[in-house]
Amino acid sequence: MPDDILTVREVAALLKVSDKTVRRLEARGELPSFRVGAQLRFRRVDIYAWVEAQRSAGSQPEDAG
């Protein structure tokens, strides 16, 4: 499958955020990534799964307790 591995810029475009936001999320360990030498790379399936997890977390009812 073409484009299964994404760069920071490609992830930023996919999520419609800045490169800096992608790097910050990755540095916090929130966005799954790996390195090829000094460069960050992301698996497309991991990014889609992360987006779905964010959507699910946002739809959880808050504890009224």
C-alpha atoms as a PDB file:
ATOM      1  CA  MET A   1       0.000   0.000   0.000  1.00  0.00           C
ATOM      2  CA  PRO A   2       1.448   3.371  -0.933  1.00  0.00           C
ATOM      3  CA  ASP A   3       1.884   6.049   1.703  1.00  0.00           C
ATOM      4  CA  ASP A   4       1.504   3.716   4.682  1.00  0.00           C
ATOM      5  CA  ILE A   5       4.371   5.588   6.354  1.00  0.00           C
ATOM      6  CA  LEU A   6       3.924   9.327   6.883  1.00  0.00           C
ATOM      7  CA  THR A   7       6.252  12.222   7.674  1.00  0.00           C
ATOM      8  CA  VAL A   8       5.583  14.940  10.249  1.00  0.00           C
ATOM      9  CA  ARG A   9       4.387  17.262   7.478  1.00  0.00           C
ATOM     10  CA  GLU A  10       2.019  14.625   6.058  1.00  0.00           C
ATOM     11  CA  VAL A  11       0.527  13.894   9.498  1.00  0.00           C
ATOM     12  CA  ALA A  12       0.101  17.623  10.099  1.00  0.00           C
ATOM     13  CA  ALA A  13      -1.757  17.975   6.792  1.00  0.00           C
ATOM     14  CA  LEU A  14      -3.904  14.915   7.553  1.00  0.00           C
ATOM     15  CA  LEU A  15      -4.881  16.260  10.989  1.00  0.00           C
ATOM     16  CA  LYS A  16      -5.031  19.883   9.770  1.00  0.00           C
ATOM     17  CA  VAL A  17      -2.620  21.093  12.442  1.00  0.00           C
ATOM     18  CA  SER A  18       0.897  22.538  12.377  1.00  0.00           C
ATOM     19  CA  ASP A  19       4.105  20.524  12.229  1.00  0.00           C
ATOM     20  CA  LYS A  20       4.872  21.893  15.697  1.00  0.00           C
ATOM     21  CA  THR A  21       1.646  20.400  17.099  1.00  0.00           C
ATOM     22  CA  VAL A  22       2.501  16.981  15.653  1.00  0.00           C
ATOM     23  CA  ARG A  23       5.996  17.150  17.164  1.00  0.00           C
ATOM     24  CA  ARG A  24       4.602  18.235  20.554  1.00  0.00           C
ATOM     25  CA  LEU A  25       2.065  15.378  20.624  1.00  0.00           C
ATOM     26  CA  GLU A  26       4.786  12.916  19.655  1.00  0.00           C
ATOM     27  CA  ALA A  27       7.174  14.242  22.315  1.00  0.00           C
ATOM     28  CA  ARG A  28       4.493  13.776  24.974  1.00  0.00           C
ATOM     29  CA  GLY A  29       4.033  10.186  23.845  1.00  0.00           C
ATOM     30  CA  GLU A  30       0.453  10.884  22.793  1.00  0.00           C
ATOM     31  CA  LEU A  31       0.940  10.277  19.064  1.00  0.00           C
ATOM     32  CA  PRO A  32       2.437   6.891  18.088  1.00  0.00           C
ATOM     33  CA  SER A  33       5.615   7.190  16.045  1.00  0.00           C
ATOM     34  CA  PHE A  34       8.993   5.675  15.287  1.00  0.00           C
ATOM     35  CA  ARG A  35      12.305   7.020  14.064  1.00  0.00           C
ATOM     36  CA  VAL A  36      14.269   6.357  10.925  1.00  0.00           C
ATOM     37  CA  GLY A  37      17.624   7.766  11.896  1.00  0.00           C
ATOM     38  CA  ALA A  38      16.841  11.219  13.279  1.00  0.00           C
ATOM     39  CA  GLN A  39      13.560  11.587  11.376  1.00  0.00           C
ATOM     40  CA  LEU A  40      10.109  10.887  12.794  1.00  0.00           C
ATOM     41  CA  ARG A  41       7.755   8.597  10.926  1.00  0.00           C
ATOM     42  CA  PHE A  42       4.170   7.570  11.575  1.00  0.00           C
ATOM     43  CA  ARG A  43       2.109   4.608  10.408  1.00  0.00           C
ATOM     44  CA  ARG A  44      -1.128   5.740   8.760  1.00  0.00           C
ATOM     45  CA  VAL A  45      -3.143   3.037  10.560  1.00  0.00           C
ATOM     46  CA  ASP A  46      -1.773   4.232  13.929  1.00  0.00           C
ATOM     47  CA  ILE A  47      -2.811   7.822  13.172  1.00  0.00           C
ATOM     48  CA  TYR A  48      -6.338   6.727  12.217  1.00  0.00           C
ATOM     49  CA  ALA A  49      -6.568   4.627  15.400  1.00  0.00           C
ATOM     50  CA  TRP A  50      -5.340   7.599  17.460  1.00  0.00           C
ATOM     51  CA  VAL A  51      -8.007   9.841  15.902  1.00  0.00           C
ATOM     52  CA  GLU A  52     -10.736   7.308  16.727  1.00  0.00           C
ATOM     53  CA  ALA A  53      -9.464   7.010  20.313  1.00  0.00           C
ATOM     54  CA  GLN A  54      -9.596  10.806  20.644  1.00  0.00           C
ATOM     55  CA  ARG A  55     -13.150  10.850  19.312  1.00  0.00           C
ATOM     56  CA  SER A  56     -14.193   8.085  21.716  1.00  0.00           C
ATOM     57  CA  ALA A  57     -12.571   9.840  24.676  1.00  0.00           C
ATOM     58  CA  GLY A  58     -14.373  13.062  23.780  1.00  0.00           C
ATOM     59  CA  SER A  59     -17.756  11.341  23.696  1.00  0.00           C
ATOM     60  CA  GLN A  60     -17.467   9.812  27.172  1.00  0.00           C
ATOM     61  CA  PRO A  61     -19.898  11.303  29.707  1.00  0.00           C
ATOM     62  CA  GLU A  62     -18.227  13.175  32.530  1.00  0.00           C
ATOM     63  CA  ASP A  63     -18.473  11.782  36.057  1.00  0.00           C
ATOM     64  CA  ALA A  64     -21.127  13.775  37.887  1.00  0.00           C
ATOM     65  CA  GLY A  65     -19.970  12.369  41.233  1.00  0.00           C
END
